[in-house]
Amino acid sequence: MIIKGNRKENKLCGSSFLLQRGQMNSRGFTLIEFTLIIVMMGILAISISNVLGNVGAVSLDAASWKVQADIRYAKQLAMSTNRNHGVNFTADNGYEVYDTNVGSAVVSPHTRNDLREDFAEFDGVDIGGDFQVEFNQIGSPIIGGGGEVELVSEHGSSKTISIIANTGAVVVEDS
């Protein structure tokens, strides 16, 4: 092997080839590279677990937005059809938006099926108790005004959905 400047010349069987510094024996990871990879994988794993740990909060938020939208839909139906409409919540994790009488569910504008929610899509979210709200032709609650329904997550957080008396406004608050 002959060293010329910053390169080494190796004569092998009558032919020569040049090796630049840093190209010799680059067949594996060094201990430093291996340690850095392990540290980066650990940081990535911790980040992912923190994000996935909040899935229950996401389900609770989604459920509260759905309930709020369905209550407002019942109010809008009452004003646009000149018939009472309401929402009946039961503690067994379900509710229905009804036309005039409990048990006569309205048709969902999205699915074209009866507008009944069983909370199956909101994993770990439950309704805190029975509650009913019904709106008249001017959008004022005639049943349940000033009342509230509570959604509870299995992770301990909850949201309260209140219906303001007289106006029928729907307010969602963290509990």
N, C-alpha and C. Protein backbone atom coordinates (compact mmCIF):
# COMPACT_ATOMS: atom_id res chain seq x y z
N MET A 1 0.85 -1.17 0.00
CA MET A 1 0.00 0.00 0.00
C MET A 1 0.90 1.23 0.00
N ILE A 2 0.61 2.14 -0.88
CA ILE A 2 1.40 3.36 -1.02
C ILE A 2 0.49 4.53 -0.68
N ILE A 3 0.94 5.46 0.19
CA ILE A 3 0.16 6.62 0.59
C ILE A 3 0.62 7.80 -0.22
N LYS A 4 -0.30 8.44 -0.95
CA LYS A 4 -0.01 9.63 -1.74
C LYS A 4 -0.97 10.73 -1.31
N GLY A 5 -0.54 11.71 -0.59
CA GLY A 5 -1.38 12.83 -0.14
C GLY A 5 -2.48 12.36 0.77
N ASN A 6 -3.75 12.63 0.40
CA ASN A 6 -4.89 12.24 1.24
C ASN A 6 -5.55 10.96 0.74
N ARG A 7 -4.89 10.19 -0.11
CA ARG A 7 -5.46 8.95 -0.58
C ARG A 7 -4.42 7.84 -0.51
N LYS A 8 -4.95 6.65 -0.46
CA LYS A 8 -4.07 5.48 -0.40
C LYS A 8 -4.21 4.72 -1.70
N GLU A 9 -3.16 4.28 -2.21
CA GLU A 9 -3.18 3.50 -3.44
C GLU A 9 -2.82 2.08 -3.08
N ASN A 10 -3.62 1.16 -3.47
CA ASN A 10 -3.41 -0.24 -3.13
C ASN A 10 -3.16 -1.00 -4.42
N LYS A 11 -2.07 -1.70 -4.48
CA LYS A 11 -1.75 -2.49 -5.67
C LYS A 11 -2.11 -3.92 -5.38
N LEU A 12 -3.00 -4.41 -6.18
CA LEU A 12 -3.48 -5.77 -6.00
C LEU A 12 -3.47 -6.47 -7.36
N CYS A 13 -2.69 -7.49 -7.47
CA CYS A 13 -2.60 -8.31 -8.69
C CYS A 13 -2.31 -7.47 -9.92
N GLY A 14 -1.44 -6.55 -9.84
CA GLY A 14 -1.03 -5.77 -10.99
C GLY A 14 -1.92 -4.58 -11.29
N SER A 15 -3.14 -4.48 -10.69
CA SER A 15 -3.99 -3.32 -10.94
C SER A 15 -4.02 -2.47 -9.68
N SER A 16 -4.34 -1.24 -9.84
CA SER A 16 -4.39 -0.35 -8.68
C SER A 16 -5.79 0.26 -8.57
N PHE A 17 -6.23 0.48 -7.35
CA PHE A 17 -7.48 1.19 -7.13
C PHE A 17 -7.25 2.14 -5.97
N LEU A 18 -8.00 3.23 -5.97
CA LEU A 18 -7.81 4.28 -4.97
C LEU A 18 -8.89 4.18 -3.91
N LEU A 19 -8.55 4.35 -2.67
CA LEU A 19 -9.49 4.40 -1.56
C LEU A 19 -9.43 5.77 -0.93
N GLN A 20 -10.53 6.48 -0.93
CA GLN A 20 -10.58 7.76 -0.25
C GLN A 20 -10.73 7.51 1.25
N ARG A 21 -10.25 8.41 2.06
CA ARG A 21 -10.42 8.28 3.50
C ARG A 21 -11.90 8.26 3.83
N GLY A 22 -12.30 7.42 4.73
CA GLY A 22 -13.70 7.28 5.12
C GLY A 22 -14.40 6.18 4.34
N GLN A 23 -13.77 5.67 3.27
CA GLN A 23 -14.37 4.58 2.51
C GLN A 23 -13.83 3.23 2.94
N MET A 24 -12.85 3.22 3.80
CA MET A 24 -12.28 1.96 4.23
C MET A 24 -13.17 1.32 5.28
N ASN A 25 -13.49 0.08 5.12
CA ASN A 25 -14.23 -0.72 6.08
C ASN A 25 -15.56 -0.07 6.53
N SER A 26 -16.38 0.40 5.61
CA SER A 26 -17.67 1.00 5.98
C SER A 26 -18.77 -0.05 5.78
N ARG A 27 -18.71 -1.14 6.55
CA ARG A 27 -19.65 -2.23 6.38
C ARG A 27 -20.72 -2.29 7.48
N GLY A 28 -20.74 -1.46 8.50
CA GLY A 28 -21.72 -1.56 9.58
C GLY A 28 -21.89 -0.24 10.30
N PHE A 29 -22.70 -0.31 11.38
CA PHE A 29 -22.94 0.87 12.19
C PHE A 29 -21.88 0.95 13.29
N THR A 30 -21.52 2.18 13.61
CA THR A 30 -20.64 2.36 14.76
C THR A 30 -21.50 2.36 16.01
N LEU A 31 -20.88 2.26 17.14
CA LEU A 31 -21.62 2.26 18.40
C LEU A 31 -22.36 3.57 18.59
N ILE A 32 -21.80 4.68 18.17
CA ILE A 32 -22.45 5.99 18.30
C ILE A 32 -23.68 6.05 17.41
N GLU A 33 -23.58 5.59 16.17
CA GLU A 33 -24.73 5.58 15.28
C GLU A 33 -25.84 4.69 15.82
N PHE A 34 -25.50 3.55 16.31
CA PHE A 34 -26.48 2.63 16.88
C PHE A 34 -27.18 3.25 18.09
N THR A 35 -26.43 3.91 18.96
CA THR A 35 -27.00 4.57 20.15
C THR A 35 -27.94 5.70 19.73
N LEU A 36 -27.57 6.49 18.73
CA LEU A 36 -28.43 7.57 18.26
C LEU A 36 -29.75 7.03 17.69
N ILE A 37 -29.69 5.93 16.97
CA ILE A 37 -30.90 5.34 16.42
C ILE A 37 -31.83 4.88 17.54
N ILE A 38 -31.28 4.23 18.56
CA ILE A 38 -32.09 3.76 19.69
C ILE A 38 -32.73 4.94 20.42
N VAL A 39 -31.99 6.01 20.64
CA VAL A 39 -32.51 7.21 21.32
C VAL A 39 -33.64 7.84 20.50
N MET A 40 -33.45 7.95 19.18
CA MET A 40 -34.48 8.54 18.33
C MET A 40 -35.74 7.68 18.30
N MET A 41 -35.59 6.36 18.29
CA MET A 41 -36.75 5.48 18.33
C MET A 41 -37.50 5.61 19.66
N GLY A 42 -36.77 5.80 20.76
CA GLY A 42 -37.40 6.01 22.06
C GLY A 42 -38.19 7.30 22.10
N ILE A 43 -37.63 8.37 21.56
CA ILE A 43 -38.33 9.66 21.52
C ILE A 43 -39.59 9.55 20.66
N LEU A 44 -39.49 8.88 19.53
CA LEU A 44 -40.64 8.68 18.66
C LEU A 44 -41.74 7.86 19.36
N ALA A 45 -41.35 6.82 20.07
CA ALA A 45 -42.33 5.99 20.78
C ALA A 45 -43.04 6.78 21.86
N ILE A 46 -42.32 7.61 22.59
CA ILE A 46 -42.94 8.44 23.64
C ILE A 46 -43.91 9.44 23.02
N SER A 47 -43.52 10.06 21.90
CA SER A 47 -44.39 11.02 21.23
C SER A 47 -45.68 10.37 20.76
N ILE A 48 -45.59 9.20 20.18
CA ILE A 48 -46.78 8.50 19.68
C ILE A 48 -47.69 8.10 20.85
N SER A 49 -47.11 7.63 21.94
CA SER A 49 -47.95 7.23 23.07
C SER A 49 -48.66 8.43 23.69
N ASN A 50 -48.03 9.61 23.67
CA ASN A 50 -48.70 10.80 24.20
C ASN A 50 -49.87 11.20 23.31
N VAL A 51 -49.72 11.07 22.01
CA VAL A 51 -50.80 11.43 21.10
C VAL A 51 -51.94 10.43 21.22
N LEU A 52 -51.63 9.15 21.25
CA LEU A 52 -52.67 8.14 21.34
C LEU A 52 -53.33 8.10 22.71
N GLY A 53 -52.68 8.61 23.72
CA GLY A 53 -53.26 8.64 25.05
C GLY A 53 -54.45 9.58 25.15
N ASN A 54 -54.61 10.52 24.21
CA ASN A 54 -55.70 11.49 24.24
C ASN A 54 -56.87 11.10 23.35
N VAL A 55 -56.93 9.84 22.92
CA VAL A 55 -58.02 9.40 22.06
C VAL A 55 -59.36 9.53 22.78
N GLY A 56 -59.40 9.25 24.08
CA GLY A 56 -60.64 9.38 24.85
C GLY A 56 -61.16 10.81 24.84
N ALA A 57 -60.26 11.78 24.94
CA ALA A 57 -60.67 13.18 24.89
C ALA A 57 -61.22 13.54 23.51
N VAL A 58 -60.65 12.97 22.47
CA VAL A 58 -61.15 13.22 21.12
C VAL A 58 -62.55 12.65 20.96
N SER A 59 -62.77 11.44 21.46
CA SER A 59 -64.11 10.83 21.39
C SER A 59 -65.14 11.66 22.15
N LEU A 60 -64.77 12.16 23.32
CA LEU A 60 -65.68 12.99 24.11
C LEU A 60 -66.01 14.28 23.38
N ASP A 61 -65.01 14.91 22.78
CA ASP A 61 -65.26 16.14 22.01
C ASP A 61 -66.18 15.86 20.83
N ALA A 62 -65.90 14.78 20.10
CA ALA A 62 -66.72 14.44 18.93
C ALA A 62 -68.16 14.15 19.34
N ALA A 63 -68.33 13.41 20.44
CA ALA A 63 -69.68 13.09 20.92
C ALA A 63 -70.42 14.36 21.33
N SER A 64 -69.73 15.28 22.00
CA SER A 64 -70.40 16.51 22.44
C SER A 64 -70.81 17.38 21.24
N TRP A 65 -69.97 17.41 20.19
CA TRP A 65 -70.34 18.17 18.98
C TRP A 65 -71.55 17.52 18.30
N LYS A 66 -71.59 16.20 18.27
CA LYS A 66 -72.71 15.48 17.64
C LYS A 66 -74.01 15.74 18.41
N VAL A 67 -73.96 15.65 19.73
CA VAL A 67 -75.15 15.90 20.55
C VAL A 67 -75.62 17.34 20.37
N GLN A 68 -74.69 18.26 20.42
CA GLN A 68 -75.03 19.68 20.25
C GLN A 68 -75.70 19.91 18.89
N ALA A 69 -75.13 19.32 17.84
CA ALA A 69 -75.70 19.49 16.50
C ALA A 69 -77.09 18.88 16.40
N ASP A 70 -77.30 17.73 17.02
CA ASP A 70 -78.61 17.08 16.95
C ASP A 70 -79.67 17.85 17.74
N ILE A 71 -79.30 18.44 18.87
CA ILE A 71 -80.26 19.28 19.62
C ILE A 71 -80.64 20.49 18.78
N ARG A 72 -79.65 21.11 18.15
CA ARG A 72 -79.95 22.27 17.30
C ARG A 72 -80.79 21.86 16.09
N TYR A 73 -80.55 20.67 15.58
CA TYR A 73 -81.36 20.17 14.45
C TYR A 73 -82.82 20.01 14.87
N ALA A 74 -83.05 19.46 16.06
CA ALA A 74 -84.42 19.31 16.56
C ALA A 74 -85.09 20.68 16.69
N LYS A 75 -84.36 21.65 17.19
CA LYS A 75 -84.90 23.02 17.33
C LYS A 75 -85.24 23.59 15.95
N GLN A 76 -84.35 23.40 14.99
CA GLN A 76 -84.58 23.91 13.64
C GLN A 76 -85.79 23.24 12.98
N LEU A 77 -85.92 21.93 13.19
CA LEU A 77 -87.08 21.22 12.65
C LEU A 77 -88.39 21.74 13.25
N ALA A 78 -88.38 22.02 14.54
CA ALA A 78 -89.59 22.54 15.19
C ALA A 78 -89.99 23.88 14.58
N MET A 79 -89.03 24.73 14.31
CA MET A 79 -89.33 26.05 13.75
C MET A 79 -89.72 25.97 12.27
N SER A 80 -89.12 25.04 11.53
CA SER A 80 -89.40 24.98 10.09
C SER A 80 -90.65 24.19 9.74
N THR A 81 -91.09 23.28 10.61
CA THR A 81 -92.28 22.47 10.32
C THR A 81 -93.51 22.88 11.11
N ASN A 82 -93.34 23.81 12.06
CA ASN A 82 -94.43 24.24 12.94
C ASN A 82 -95.01 23.09 13.76
N ARG A 83 -94.15 22.14 14.13
CA ARG A 83 -94.52 21.04 15.01
C ARG A 83 -93.43 20.88 16.06
N ASN A 84 -93.82 20.44 17.23
CA ASN A 84 -92.83 20.22 18.28
C ASN A 84 -91.87 19.10 17.88
N HIS A 85 -90.60 19.31 18.18
CA HIS A 85 -89.56 18.30 17.97
C HIS A 85 -88.66 18.32 19.20
N GLY A 86 -88.04 17.18 19.48
CA GLY A 86 -87.18 17.13 20.65
C GLY A 86 -86.14 16.04 20.56
N VAL A 87 -85.38 15.93 21.65
CA VAL A 87 -84.35 14.90 21.78
C VAL A 87 -84.57 14.23 23.12
N ASN A 88 -84.62 12.91 23.11
CA ASN A 88 -84.81 12.13 24.33
C ASN A 88 -83.55 11.32 24.60
N PHE A 89 -82.89 11.60 25.73
CA PHE A 89 -81.66 10.91 26.12
C PHE A 89 -82.01 9.86 27.17
N THR A 90 -81.40 8.69 27.06
CA THR A 90 -81.57 7.65 28.07
C THR A 90 -80.19 7.26 28.59
N ALA A 91 -80.15 6.85 29.83
CA ALA A 91 -78.88 6.54 30.49
C ALA A 91 -78.20 5.31 29.91
N ASP A 92 -78.90 4.54 29.08
CA ASP A 92 -78.25 3.39 28.48
C ASP A 92 -77.51 3.78 27.19
N ASN A 93 -77.01 5.01 27.19
CA ASN A 93 -76.13 5.52 26.14
C ASN A 93 -76.80 5.70 24.79
N GLY A 94 -77.98 6.20 24.78
CA GLY A 94 -78.61 6.45 23.51
C GLY A 94 -79.52 7.66 23.56
N TYR A 95 -79.84 8.17 22.40
CA TYR A 95 -80.83 9.22 22.30
C TYR A 95 -81.45 9.17 20.91
N GLU A 96 -82.60 9.81 20.80
CA GLU A 96 -83.26 9.93 19.51
C GLU A 96 -83.78 11.35 19.35
N VAL A 97 -83.76 11.81 18.12
CA VAL A 97 -84.40 13.07 17.77
C VAL A 97 -85.77 12.69 17.26
N TYR A 98 -86.80 13.24 17.89
CA TYR A 98 -88.16 12.80 17.57
C TYR A 98 -89.04 13.93 17.07
N ASP A 99 -90.12 13.51 16.39
CA ASP A 99 -91.12 14.42 15.84
C ASP A 99 -92.39 14.28 16.66
N THR A 100 -92.74 15.28 17.39
CA THR A 100 -93.96 15.38 18.19
C THR A 100 -94.00 14.45 19.40
N ASN A 101 -93.76 13.15 19.23
CA ASN A 101 -93.84 12.20 20.33
C ASN A 101 -92.56 11.38 20.42
N VAL A 102 -92.15 11.07 21.65
CA VAL A 102 -91.01 10.19 21.85
C VAL A 102 -91.33 8.85 21.20
N GLY A 103 -90.39 8.32 20.45
CA GLY A 103 -90.60 7.06 19.75
C GLY A 103 -90.83 7.22 18.27
N SER A 104 -91.11 8.44 17.84
CA SER A 104 -91.28 8.70 16.40
C SER A 104 -90.07 9.47 15.91
N ALA A 105 -88.98 8.74 15.69
CA ALA A 105 -87.70 9.36 15.31
C ALA A 105 -87.80 10.01 13.93
N VAL A 106 -87.14 11.14 13.79
CA VAL A 106 -87.06 11.82 12.49
C VAL A 106 -86.00 11.11 11.64
N VAL A 107 -86.00 11.41 10.37
CA VAL A 107 -85.03 10.83 9.45
C VAL A 107 -83.78 11.70 9.44
N SER A 108 -82.63 11.06 9.57
CA SER A 108 -81.35 11.77 9.54
C SER A 108 -81.09 12.30 8.14
N PRO A 109 -80.70 13.56 8.00
CA PRO A 109 -80.39 14.09 6.67
C PRO A 109 -79.12 13.47 6.07
N HIS A 110 -78.29 12.85 6.90
CA HIS A 110 -77.03 12.27 6.42
C HIS A 110 -77.17 10.82 6.02
N THR A 111 -77.85 10.02 6.85
CA THR A 111 -77.92 8.57 6.60
C THR A 111 -79.24 8.13 6.00
N ARG A 112 -80.26 8.98 6.04
CA ARG A 112 -81.61 8.65 5.59
C ARG A 112 -82.25 7.53 6.40
N ASN A 113 -81.73 7.31 7.61
CA ASN A 113 -82.30 6.35 8.56
C ASN A 113 -82.85 7.14 9.75
N ASP A 114 -83.55 6.45 10.64
CA ASP A 114 -84.03 7.10 11.86
C ASP A 114 -82.85 7.71 12.61
N LEU A 115 -83.07 8.92 13.14
CA LEU A 115 -81.99 9.63 13.84
C LEU A 115 -81.94 9.16 15.29
N ARG A 116 -81.33 8.01 15.48
CA ARG A 116 -81.08 7.45 16.81
C ARG A 116 -79.59 7.25 16.95
N GLU A 117 -79.06 7.62 18.09
CA GLU A 117 -77.61 7.49 18.33
C GLU A 117 -77.41 6.56 19.51
N ASP A 118 -76.56 5.55 19.32
CA ASP A 118 -76.28 4.61 20.42
C ASP A 118 -74.87 4.77 20.98
N PHE A 119 -74.13 5.73 20.49
CA PHE A 119 -72.78 6.06 20.96
C PHE A 119 -71.76 4.96 20.68
N ALA A 120 -72.07 4.04 19.78
CA ALA A 120 -71.12 2.98 19.44
C ALA A 120 -69.87 3.56 18.78
N GLU A 121 -70.04 4.64 18.02
CA GLU A 121 -68.89 5.23 17.33
C GLU A 121 -68.03 6.10 18.26
N PHE A 122 -68.52 6.38 19.46
CA PHE A 122 -67.76 7.19 20.42
C PHE A 122 -67.31 6.28 21.55
N ASP A 123 -66.24 5.57 21.33
CA ASP A 123 -65.74 4.58 22.27
C ASP A 123 -65.41 5.21 23.62
N GLY A 124 -65.98 4.67 24.69
CA GLY A 124 -65.67 5.12 26.04
C GLY A 124 -66.45 6.33 26.50
N VAL A 125 -67.48 6.75 25.77
CA VAL A 125 -68.28 7.91 26.16
C VAL A 125 -69.69 7.43 26.53
N ASP A 126 -70.19 7.90 27.68
CA ASP A 126 -71.51 7.52 28.17
C ASP A 126 -72.34 8.76 28.47
N ILE A 127 -73.67 8.59 28.45
CA ILE A 127 -74.58 9.65 28.86
C ILE A 127 -74.78 9.54 30.36
N GLY A 128 -74.68 10.68 31.05
CA GLY A 128 -74.74 10.68 32.51
C GLY A 128 -76.10 10.35 33.10
N GLY A 129 -77.19 10.51 32.37
CA GLY A 129 -78.52 10.23 32.91
C GLY A 129 -79.60 10.54 31.90
N ASP A 130 -80.84 10.25 32.26
CA ASP A 130 -81.99 10.52 31.38
C ASP A 130 -82.24 12.02 31.30
N PHE A 131 -82.64 12.47 30.10
CA PHE A 131 -82.95 13.88 29.91
C PHE A 131 -83.77 14.01 28.64
N GLN A 132 -84.68 14.98 28.63
CA GLN A 132 -85.49 15.23 27.45
C GLN A 132 -85.59 16.73 27.25
N VAL A 133 -85.47 17.14 26.00
CA VAL A 133 -85.69 18.54 25.64
C VAL A 133 -86.60 18.54 24.41
N GLU A 134 -87.60 19.42 24.45
CA GLU A 134 -88.53 19.53 23.32
C GLU A 134 -88.75 21.00 23.01
N PHE A 135 -88.78 21.32 21.72
CA PHE A 135 -88.89 22.70 21.27
C PHE A 135 -90.24 22.92 20.59
N ASN A 136 -90.78 24.14 20.76
CA ASN A 136 -92.04 24.49 20.09
C ASN A 136 -91.74 25.18 18.75
N GLN A 137 -92.79 25.72 18.12
CA GLN A 137 -92.68 26.30 16.78
C GLN A 137 -91.80 27.55 16.70
N ILE A 138 -91.54 28.18 17.83
CA ILE A 138 -90.67 29.36 17.80
C ILE A 138 -89.26 29.04 18.33
N GLY A 139 -88.98 27.78 18.54
CA GLY A 139 -87.64 27.35 18.97
C GLY A 139 -87.38 27.47 20.45
N SER A 140 -88.42 27.69 21.20
CA SER A 140 -88.28 27.80 22.65
C SER A 140 -88.51 26.42 23.29
N PRO A 141 -87.68 26.05 24.26
CA PRO A 141 -87.89 24.74 24.88
C PRO A 141 -89.14 24.73 25.76
N ILE A 142 -90.03 23.75 25.54
CA ILE A 142 -91.22 23.61 26.37
C ILE A 142 -91.01 22.48 27.39
N ILE A 143 -90.03 21.64 27.14
CA ILE A 143 -89.60 20.60 28.09
C ILE A 143 -88.07 20.66 28.12
N GLY A 144 -87.51 20.69 29.29
CA GLY A 144 -86.05 20.61 29.43
C GLY A 144 -85.30 21.91 29.33
N GLY A 145 -86.01 23.03 29.15
CA GLY A 145 -85.32 24.32 29.12
C GLY A 145 -84.67 24.61 30.46
N GLY A 146 -83.44 25.03 30.46
CA GLY A 146 -82.70 25.26 31.69
C GLY A 146 -82.04 23.99 32.21
N GLY A 147 -82.24 22.88 31.51
CA GLY A 147 -81.66 21.60 31.92
C GLY A 147 -80.36 21.31 31.18
N GLU A 148 -79.81 20.14 31.48
CA GLU A 148 -78.54 19.77 30.87
C GLU A 148 -78.39 18.26 30.80
N VAL A 149 -77.55 17.84 29.89
CA VAL A 149 -77.18 16.43 29.77
C VAL A 149 -75.66 16.36 29.88
N GLU A 150 -75.16 15.35 30.58
CA GLU A 150 -73.73 15.23 30.79
C GLU A 150 -73.20 14.02 30.03
N LEU A 151 -72.09 14.23 29.31
CA LEU A 151 -71.38 13.15 28.63
C LEU A 151 -70.12 12.87 29.44
N VAL A 152 -69.89 11.60 29.75
CA VAL A 152 -68.78 11.21 30.61
C VAL A 152 -67.86 10.26 29.85
N SER A 153 -66.56 10.56 29.90
CA SER A 153 -65.56 9.70 29.28
C SER A 153 -65.06 8.69 30.29
N GLU A 154 -64.67 7.52 29.83
CA GLU A 154 -64.13 6.50 30.74
C GLU A 154 -62.79 6.93 31.32
N HIS A 155 -62.20 8.01 30.78
CA HIS A 155 -60.93 8.52 31.30
C HIS A 155 -61.14 9.56 32.40
N GLY A 156 -62.40 9.80 32.78
CA GLY A 156 -62.68 10.69 33.89
C GLY A 156 -63.10 12.09 33.50
N SER A 157 -62.92 12.51 32.27
CA SER A 157 -63.34 13.85 31.86
C SER A 157 -64.80 13.81 31.45
N SER A 158 -65.43 14.98 31.45
CA SER A 158 -66.84 15.05 31.07
C SER A 158 -67.15 16.41 30.46
N LYS A 159 -68.26 16.45 29.73
CA LYS A 159 -68.76 17.69 29.15
C LYS A 159 -70.24 17.80 29.47
N THR A 160 -70.66 19.01 29.78
CA THR A 160 -72.06 19.28 30.08
C THR A 160 -72.66 20.11 28.94
N ILE A 161 -73.78 19.62 28.42
CA ILE A 161 -74.47 20.32 27.34
C ILE A 161 -75.75 20.89 27.94
N SER A 162 -75.82 22.21 27.98
CA SER A 162 -76.95 22.90 28.62
C SER A 162 -77.86 23.52 27.57
N ILE A 163 -79.16 23.53 27.86
CA ILE A 163 -80.15 24.17 27.01
C ILE A 163 -80.69 25.36 27.80
N ILE A 164 -80.47 26.54 27.29
CA ILE A 164 -80.88 27.77 27.96
C ILE A 164 -82.40 27.91 27.88
N ALA A 165 -83.03 28.18 29.02
CA ALA A 165 -84.49 28.37 29.06
C ALA A 165 -84.87 29.57 28.20
N ASN A 166 -86.04 29.55 27.65
CA ASN A 166 -86.63 30.60 26.82
C ASN A 166 -86.02 30.69 25.42
N THR A 167 -84.69 30.74 25.30
CA THR A 167 -84.08 30.91 23.99
C THR A 167 -83.79 29.58 23.29
N GLY A 168 -83.54 28.53 24.04
CA GLY A 168 -83.19 27.25 23.47
C GLY A 168 -81.76 27.17 22.97
N ALA A 169 -80.94 28.15 23.35
CA ALA A 169 -79.53 28.11 22.95
C ALA A 169 -78.85 26.90 23.58
N VAL A 170 -77.90 26.31 22.87
CA VAL A 170 -77.20 25.11 23.33
C VAL A 170 -75.76 25.49 23.63
N VAL A 171 -75.32 25.17 24.86
CA VAL A 171 -73.98 25.53 25.31
C VAL A 171 -73.27 24.28 25.80
N VAL A 172 -72.01 24.11 25.36
CA VAL A 172 -71.19 22.96 25.79
C VAL A 172 -70.09 23.49 26.69
N GLU A 173 -69.95 22.86 27.85
CA GLU A 173 -68.91 23.26 28.80
C GLU A 173 -68.16 22.04 29.30
N ASP A 174 -66.85 22.20 29.58
CA ASP A 174 -66.09 21.14 30.23
C ASP A 174 -66.52 21.06 31.68
N SER A 175 -66.64 19.86 32.19
CA SER A 175 -67.04 19.69 33.59
C SER A 175 -65.86 19.35 34.44
